[in-house]
């Protein structure tokens, strides 16, 4: 069983930055592609970003391209979402998720149903 624990959320002003962390309790973290999804009130959960097991490949939702990056540290079993130039519309609960790294990377990583494990979520609120 894989457990994912997100941290780093909170209240930030528009234009600010936040780094979310996702710590995984698994011995084979490098076998998993990692993704971030978000859900705003009254909206469906949506894909935000993903990274392959090696970190070589990444994918981003169009509205966050150029503002968000994603990285991972396989030695620390942790994935990160670096969020810059935040906007009020980025306000949501952010979830990390893990899936067996598979090919093709895209568009598989954009599909929430492909992920086997999910964290409990962390709230990010961006004030205007």
N, C-alpha and C. Protein backbone atom coordinates (compact mmCIF):
# COMPACT_ATOMS: atom_id res chain seq x y z
N UNK A 1 0.84 -1.19 0.00
CA UNK A 1 0.00 0.00 0.00
C UNK A 1 0.88 1.25 0.00
N UNK A 2 0.55 2.18 -0.86
CA UNK A 2 1.30 3.43 -0.95
C UNK A 2 0.51 4.52 -0.27
N UNK A 3 1.15 5.24 0.59
CA UNK A 3 0.52 6.41 1.23
C UNK A 3 1.20 7.67 0.72
N UNK A 4 0.39 8.64 0.37
CA UNK A 4 0.88 9.92 -0.12
C UNK A 4 0.41 11.02 0.82
N UNK A 5 1.32 11.88 1.22
CA UNK A 5 0.99 12.96 2.13
C UNK A 5 1.46 14.28 1.53
N UNK A 6 0.49 15.16 1.25
CA UNK A 6 0.80 16.47 0.71
C UNK A 6 1.05 17.46 1.84
N UNK A 7 1.86 18.46 1.54
CA UNK A 7 2.09 19.55 2.48
C UNK A 7 2.50 20.79 1.69
N UNK A 8 2.45 21.92 2.38
CA UNK A 8 2.91 23.16 1.76
C UNK A 8 1.81 24.11 1.34
N UNK A 9 0.57 23.70 1.47
CA UNK A 9 -0.52 24.59 1.09
C UNK A 9 -0.70 25.71 2.09
N UNK A 10 -1.57 26.64 1.75
CA UNK A 10 -1.85 27.75 2.65
C UNK A 10 -2.43 28.92 1.90
N UNK A 11 -2.38 30.07 2.54
CA UNK A 11 -2.91 31.31 1.97
C UNK A 11 -1.76 32.12 1.39
N UNK A 12 -1.92 32.56 0.15
CA UNK A 12 -0.87 33.33 -0.51
C UNK A 12 -1.53 34.43 -1.33
N UNK A 13 -0.85 35.53 -1.48
CA UNK A 13 -1.37 36.62 -2.29
C UNK A 13 -1.15 36.35 -3.77
N UNK A 14 -2.00 36.92 -4.58
CA UNK A 14 -1.83 36.80 -6.02
C UNK A 14 -0.44 37.29 -6.42
N UNK A 15 0.17 36.54 -7.31
CA UNK A 15 1.53 36.86 -7.73
C UNK A 15 2.60 36.16 -6.92
N UNK A 16 2.19 35.56 -5.83
CA UNK A 16 3.13 34.88 -4.96
C UNK A 16 3.45 33.46 -5.42
N UNK A 17 4.24 32.77 -4.59
CA UNK A 17 4.70 31.43 -4.93
C UNK A 17 4.48 30.48 -3.75
N UNK A 18 4.28 29.25 -4.09
CA UNK A 18 4.11 28.18 -3.10
C UNK A 18 4.75 26.93 -3.67
N UNK A 19 5.34 26.14 -2.78
CA UNK A 19 5.85 24.83 -3.19
C UNK A 19 5.08 23.76 -2.42
N UNK A 20 4.42 22.90 -3.15
CA UNK A 20 3.75 21.76 -2.54
C UNK A 20 4.67 20.55 -2.58
N UNK A 21 4.60 19.77 -1.53
CA UNK A 21 5.39 18.53 -1.45
C UNK A 21 4.45 17.35 -1.33
N UNK A 22 4.87 16.24 -1.88
CA UNK A 22 4.12 14.99 -1.77
C UNK A 22 5.10 13.90 -1.35
N UNK A 23 4.98 13.48 -0.11
CA UNK A 23 5.88 12.45 0.41
C UNK A 23 5.20 11.09 0.29
N UNK A 24 5.91 10.14 -0.27
CA UNK A 24 5.36 8.81 -0.51
C UNK A 24 6.02 7.79 0.41
N UNK A 25 5.19 6.96 1.00
CA UNK A 25 5.71 5.86 1.82
C UNK A 25 5.69 4.59 0.98
N UNK A 26 6.72 4.42 0.19
CA UNK A 26 6.80 3.27 -0.70
C UNK A 26 8.26 3.02 -1.00
N UNK A 27 8.62 1.77 -1.13
CA UNK A 27 10.01 1.46 -1.37
C UNK A 27 10.44 1.59 -2.80
N UNK A 28 9.47 1.66 -3.70
CA UNK A 28 9.79 1.70 -5.13
C UNK A 28 9.24 2.98 -5.76
N UNK A 29 9.48 4.08 -5.09
CA UNK A 29 8.95 5.37 -5.55
C UNK A 29 9.33 5.65 -6.99
N UNK A 30 10.52 5.23 -7.39
CA UNK A 30 10.99 5.51 -8.74
C UNK A 30 10.26 4.69 -9.80
N UNK A 31 9.37 3.81 -9.38
CA UNK A 31 8.56 3.05 -10.34
C UNK A 31 7.29 3.78 -10.75
N UNK A 32 7.03 4.88 -10.05
CA UNK A 32 5.76 5.57 -10.23
C UNK A 32 5.93 6.91 -10.94
N UNK A 33 5.02 7.16 -11.87
CA UNK A 33 4.84 8.52 -12.34
C UNK A 33 3.97 9.23 -11.31
N UNK A 34 4.23 10.51 -11.10
CA UNK A 34 3.50 11.27 -10.10
C UNK A 34 2.72 12.39 -10.77
N UNK A 35 1.54 12.64 -10.24
CA UNK A 35 0.71 13.70 -10.80
C UNK A 35 0.15 14.59 -9.72
N UNK A 36 -0.23 15.78 -10.12
CA UNK A 36 -0.95 16.72 -9.25
C UNK A 36 -2.28 17.06 -9.93
N UNK A 37 -3.33 17.02 -9.13
CA UNK A 37 -4.65 17.41 -9.58
C UNK A 37 -5.18 18.45 -8.59
N UNK A 38 -6.22 19.17 -9.00
CA UNK A 38 -6.82 20.13 -8.08
C UNK A 38 -8.33 20.13 -8.27
N UNK A 39 -9.00 20.54 -7.20
CA UNK A 39 -10.45 20.63 -7.24
C UNK A 39 -10.90 21.88 -6.51
N UNK A 40 -11.54 22.75 -7.25
CA UNK A 40 -12.10 23.96 -6.67
C UNK A 40 -13.55 23.70 -6.28
N UNK A 41 -14.09 24.49 -5.37
CA UNK A 41 -15.48 24.28 -4.93
C UNK A 41 -16.45 24.31 -6.11
N UNK A 42 -17.29 23.30 -6.18
CA UNK A 42 -18.28 23.24 -7.23
C UNK A 42 -17.76 22.80 -8.58
N UNK A 43 -16.50 22.42 -8.63
CA UNK A 43 -15.92 22.01 -9.91
C UNK A 43 -15.38 20.60 -9.81
N UNK A 44 -15.17 20.00 -10.97
CA UNK A 44 -14.60 18.66 -11.00
C UNK A 44 -13.09 18.72 -10.79
N UNK A 45 -12.56 17.60 -10.35
CA UNK A 45 -11.12 17.51 -10.20
C UNK A 45 -10.46 17.59 -11.57
N UNK A 46 -9.39 18.39 -11.65
CA UNK A 46 -8.74 18.57 -12.94
C UNK A 46 -7.24 18.32 -12.83
N UNK A 47 -6.68 17.88 -13.93
CA UNK A 47 -5.25 17.64 -14.02
C UNK A 47 -4.49 18.95 -13.94
N UNK A 48 -3.35 18.93 -13.24
CA UNK A 48 -2.50 20.11 -13.15
C UNK A 48 -1.12 19.83 -13.77
N UNK A 49 -0.47 18.75 -13.30
CA UNK A 49 0.89 18.47 -13.76
C UNK A 49 1.23 17.03 -13.47
N UNK A 50 2.24 16.53 -14.18
CA UNK A 50 2.72 15.18 -13.93
C UNK A 50 4.19 15.09 -14.30
N UNK A 51 4.84 14.07 -13.74
CA UNK A 51 6.27 13.86 -14.00
C UNK A 51 6.53 12.37 -14.09
N UNK A 52 7.38 11.99 -15.01
CA UNK A 52 7.70 10.58 -15.17
C UNK A 52 8.62 10.11 -14.05
N UNK A 53 8.85 8.81 -13.97
CA UNK A 53 9.63 8.26 -12.87
C UNK A 53 11.03 8.85 -12.80
N UNK A 54 11.59 9.15 -13.95
CA UNK A 54 12.96 9.66 -13.99
C UNK A 54 13.03 11.18 -13.90
N UNK A 55 11.88 11.82 -14.07
CA UNK A 55 11.88 13.27 -14.14
C UNK A 55 12.15 13.82 -15.52
N UNK A 56 12.36 12.92 -16.48
CA UNK A 56 12.70 13.35 -17.82
C UNK A 56 11.51 14.00 -18.53
N UNK A 57 10.32 13.48 -18.24
CA UNK A 57 9.13 13.98 -18.92
C UNK A 57 8.21 14.66 -17.92
N UNK A 58 7.64 15.77 -18.34
CA UNK A 58 6.64 16.47 -17.54
C UNK A 58 5.48 16.88 -18.44
N UNK A 59 4.35 17.11 -17.83
CA UNK A 59 3.17 17.57 -18.54
C UNK A 59 2.43 18.56 -17.67
N UNK A 60 1.82 19.55 -18.30
CA UNK A 60 1.13 20.59 -17.54
C UNK A 60 -0.19 20.96 -18.22
N UNK A 61 -1.15 21.29 -17.39
CA UNK A 61 -2.40 21.83 -17.89
C UNK A 61 -2.11 23.21 -18.47
N UNK A 62 -2.83 23.56 -19.52
CA UNK A 62 -2.49 24.78 -20.25
C UNK A 62 -2.47 26.03 -19.38
N UNK A 63 -3.39 26.15 -18.44
CA UNK A 63 -3.47 27.39 -17.66
C UNK A 63 -2.32 27.57 -16.69
N UNK A 64 -1.55 26.53 -16.45
CA UNK A 64 -0.43 26.66 -15.51
C UNK A 64 0.93 26.62 -16.19
N UNK A 65 0.93 26.35 -17.49
CA UNK A 65 2.21 26.32 -18.22
C UNK A 65 2.92 27.65 -18.10
N UNK A 66 4.21 27.58 -17.83
CA UNK A 66 5.00 28.79 -17.67
C UNK A 66 4.96 29.35 -16.26
N UNK A 67 4.03 28.86 -15.43
CA UNK A 67 3.94 29.33 -14.04
C UNK A 67 4.27 28.23 -13.04
N UNK A 68 3.90 27.01 -13.36
CA UNK A 68 4.14 25.88 -12.46
C UNK A 68 5.23 24.99 -13.05
N UNK A 69 6.02 24.42 -12.19
CA UNK A 69 6.95 23.36 -12.59
C UNK A 69 6.80 22.20 -11.61
N UNK A 70 7.31 21.07 -12.03
CA UNK A 70 7.22 19.89 -11.18
C UNK A 70 8.57 19.20 -11.15
N UNK A 71 8.93 18.70 -9.99
CA UNK A 71 10.19 17.99 -9.85
C UNK A 71 10.00 16.84 -8.88
N UNK A 72 11.00 16.00 -8.76
CA UNK A 72 10.93 14.88 -7.82
C UNK A 72 12.33 14.55 -7.33
N UNK A 73 12.37 13.98 -6.15
CA UNK A 73 13.62 13.51 -5.56
C UNK A 73 13.39 12.06 -5.19
N UNK A 74 13.84 11.16 -6.02
CA UNK A 74 13.57 9.75 -5.79
C UNK A 74 14.29 9.22 -4.54
N UNK A 75 15.38 9.84 -4.18
CA UNK A 75 16.09 9.42 -2.97
C UNK A 75 15.29 9.77 -1.72
N UNK A 76 14.47 10.82 -1.81
CA UNK A 76 13.66 11.26 -0.67
C UNK A 76 12.20 10.84 -0.80
N UNK A 77 11.87 10.09 -1.87
CA UNK A 77 10.49 9.64 -2.09
C UNK A 77 9.51 10.81 -2.08
N UNK A 78 9.89 11.89 -2.71
CA UNK A 78 9.07 13.11 -2.66
C UNK A 78 8.95 13.74 -4.04
N UNK A 79 7.75 14.19 -4.34
CA UNK A 79 7.49 14.96 -5.55
C UNK A 79 7.07 16.37 -5.14
N UNK A 80 7.36 17.32 -6.00
CA UNK A 80 7.11 18.72 -5.69
C UNK A 80 6.33 19.40 -6.82
N UNK A 81 5.51 20.34 -6.44
CA UNK A 81 4.85 21.21 -7.40
C UNK A 81 5.24 22.64 -7.02
N UNK A 82 5.96 23.29 -7.91
CA UNK A 82 6.42 24.65 -7.68
C UNK A 82 5.45 25.59 -8.40
N UNK A 83 4.78 26.40 -7.64
CA UNK A 83 3.71 27.24 -8.17
C UNK A 83 4.13 28.70 -8.07
N UNK A 84 4.26 29.35 -9.20
CA UNK A 84 4.69 30.75 -9.25
C UNK A 84 3.61 31.61 -9.90
N UNK A 85 3.69 32.90 -9.64
CA UNK A 85 2.75 33.85 -10.22
C UNK A 85 1.31 33.37 -10.04
N UNK A 86 0.99 33.04 -8.81
CA UNK A 86 -0.32 32.46 -8.52
C UNK A 86 -1.44 33.45 -8.77
N UNK A 87 -2.58 32.90 -9.18
CA UNK A 87 -3.77 33.69 -9.48
C UNK A 87 -4.91 33.20 -8.60
N UNK A 88 -5.91 34.06 -8.36
CA UNK A 88 -7.05 33.63 -7.54
C UNK A 88 -7.72 32.36 -8.10
N UNK A 89 -7.71 32.19 -9.40
CA UNK A 89 -8.33 31.00 -9.99
C UNK A 89 -7.53 29.72 -9.75
N UNK A 90 -6.36 29.84 -9.15
CA UNK A 90 -5.60 28.65 -8.75
C UNK A 90 -6.07 28.11 -7.40
N UNK A 91 -6.95 28.83 -6.75
CA UNK A 91 -7.47 28.40 -5.45
C UNK A 91 -8.18 27.07 -5.59
N UNK A 92 -7.76 26.09 -4.80
CA UNK A 92 -8.32 24.74 -4.88
C UNK A 92 -7.66 23.87 -3.82
N UNK A 93 -8.22 22.69 -3.67
CA UNK A 93 -7.52 21.63 -2.94
C UNK A 93 -6.66 20.88 -3.95
N UNK A 94 -5.39 20.75 -3.63
CA UNK A 94 -4.44 20.10 -4.52
C UNK A 94 -4.14 18.69 -4.01
N UNK A 95 -4.23 17.74 -4.91
CA UNK A 95 -4.01 16.34 -4.59
C UNK A 95 -2.82 15.80 -5.38
N UNK A 96 -1.97 15.03 -4.72
CA UNK A 96 -0.97 14.31 -5.49
C UNK A 96 -1.44 12.88 -5.67
N UNK A 97 -0.92 12.26 -6.70
CA UNK A 97 -1.35 10.91 -7.05
C UNK A 97 -0.19 10.16 -7.68
N UNK A 98 -0.23 8.84 -7.58
CA UNK A 98 0.83 7.99 -8.10
C UNK A 98 0.25 6.92 -9.01
N UNK A 99 0.95 6.66 -10.10
CA UNK A 99 0.56 5.59 -11.01
C UNK A 99 1.82 4.88 -11.47
N UNK A 100 1.68 3.61 -11.79
CA UNK A 100 2.81 2.89 -12.36
C UNK A 100 3.23 3.63 -13.63
N UNK A 101 4.53 3.94 -13.67
CA UNK A 101 5.02 4.65 -14.85
C UNK A 101 4.79 3.78 -16.08
N UNK A 102 4.16 4.37 -17.08
CA UNK A 102 3.79 3.59 -18.24
C UNK A 102 3.94 4.45 -19.49
N UNK A 103 3.89 3.80 -20.62
CA UNK A 103 3.94 4.49 -21.88
C UNK A 103 2.63 4.32 -22.62
N UNK A 104 2.16 5.28 -23.37
CA UNK A 104 2.79 6.59 -23.53
C UNK A 104 2.55 7.48 -22.31
N UNK A 105 3.52 8.31 -22.04
CA UNK A 105 3.41 9.24 -20.90
C UNK A 105 2.20 10.14 -21.09
N UNK A 106 2.12 10.72 -22.26
CA UNK A 106 0.95 11.53 -22.61
C UNK A 106 0.06 10.74 -23.57
N UNK A 107 -1.22 10.79 -23.45
CA UNK A 107 -2.00 11.58 -22.52
C UNK A 107 -2.37 10.84 -21.23
N UNK A 108 -1.75 9.67 -21.04
CA UNK A 108 -2.12 8.82 -19.89
C UNK A 108 -2.10 9.59 -18.58
N UNK A 109 -1.06 10.38 -18.35
CA UNK A 109 -0.90 11.04 -17.05
C UNK A 109 -1.98 12.10 -16.78
N UNK A 110 -2.72 12.47 -17.77
CA UNK A 110 -3.77 13.47 -17.58
C UNK A 110 -5.09 12.87 -17.10
N UNK A 111 -5.16 11.56 -17.07
CA UNK A 111 -6.41 10.87 -16.74
C UNK A 111 -6.41 10.47 -15.27
N UNK A 112 -7.28 11.02 -14.44
CA UNK A 112 -7.27 10.67 -13.01
C UNK A 112 -7.54 9.19 -12.77
N UNK A 113 -8.28 8.55 -13.65
CA UNK A 113 -8.57 7.12 -13.48
C UNK A 113 -7.37 6.22 -13.63
N UNK A 114 -6.28 6.74 -14.16
CA UNK A 114 -5.07 5.94 -14.34
C UNK A 114 -4.24 5.86 -13.04
N UNK A 115 -4.56 6.72 -12.09
CA UNK A 115 -3.76 6.77 -10.86
C UNK A 115 -4.31 5.83 -9.81
N UNK A 116 -3.40 5.10 -9.21
CA UNK A 116 -3.80 4.08 -8.24
C UNK A 116 -3.88 4.62 -6.82
N UNK A 117 -3.01 5.58 -6.51
CA UNK A 117 -2.93 6.08 -5.13
C UNK A 117 -3.10 7.59 -5.12
N UNK A 118 -3.77 8.07 -4.07
CA UNK A 118 -4.06 9.49 -3.92
C UNK A 118 -3.76 9.95 -2.50
N UNK A 119 -3.33 11.20 -2.40
CA UNK A 119 -3.17 11.80 -1.09
C UNK A 119 -4.49 12.41 -0.62
N UNK A 120 -4.45 13.00 0.57
CA UNK A 120 -5.66 13.54 1.18
C UNK A 120 -5.94 14.97 0.73
N UNK A 121 -4.97 15.61 0.10
CA UNK A 121 -5.17 16.95 -0.42
C UNK A 121 -4.66 18.02 0.51
N UNK A 122 -4.28 19.15 -0.07
CA UNK A 122 -3.85 20.32 0.70
C UNK A 122 -4.45 21.56 0.05
N UNK A 123 -4.97 22.44 0.89
CA UNK A 123 -5.67 23.62 0.39
C UNK A 123 -4.68 24.71 0.01
N UNK A 124 -4.89 25.28 -1.16
CA UNK A 124 -4.16 26.46 -1.58
C UNK A 124 -5.19 27.56 -1.86
N UNK A 125 -5.05 28.66 -1.17
CA UNK A 125 -5.96 29.79 -1.35
C UNK A 125 -5.16 31.01 -1.80
N UNK A 126 -5.54 31.57 -2.93
CA UNK A 126 -4.84 32.73 -3.48
C UNK A 126 -5.76 33.93 -3.36
N UNK A 127 -5.32 34.91 -2.61
CA UNK A 127 -6.13 36.11 -2.42
C UNK A 127 -5.75 37.17 -3.44
N UNK A 128 -6.76 37.93 -3.86
CA UNK A 128 -6.51 38.97 -4.87
C UNK A 128 -6.12 40.29 -4.24
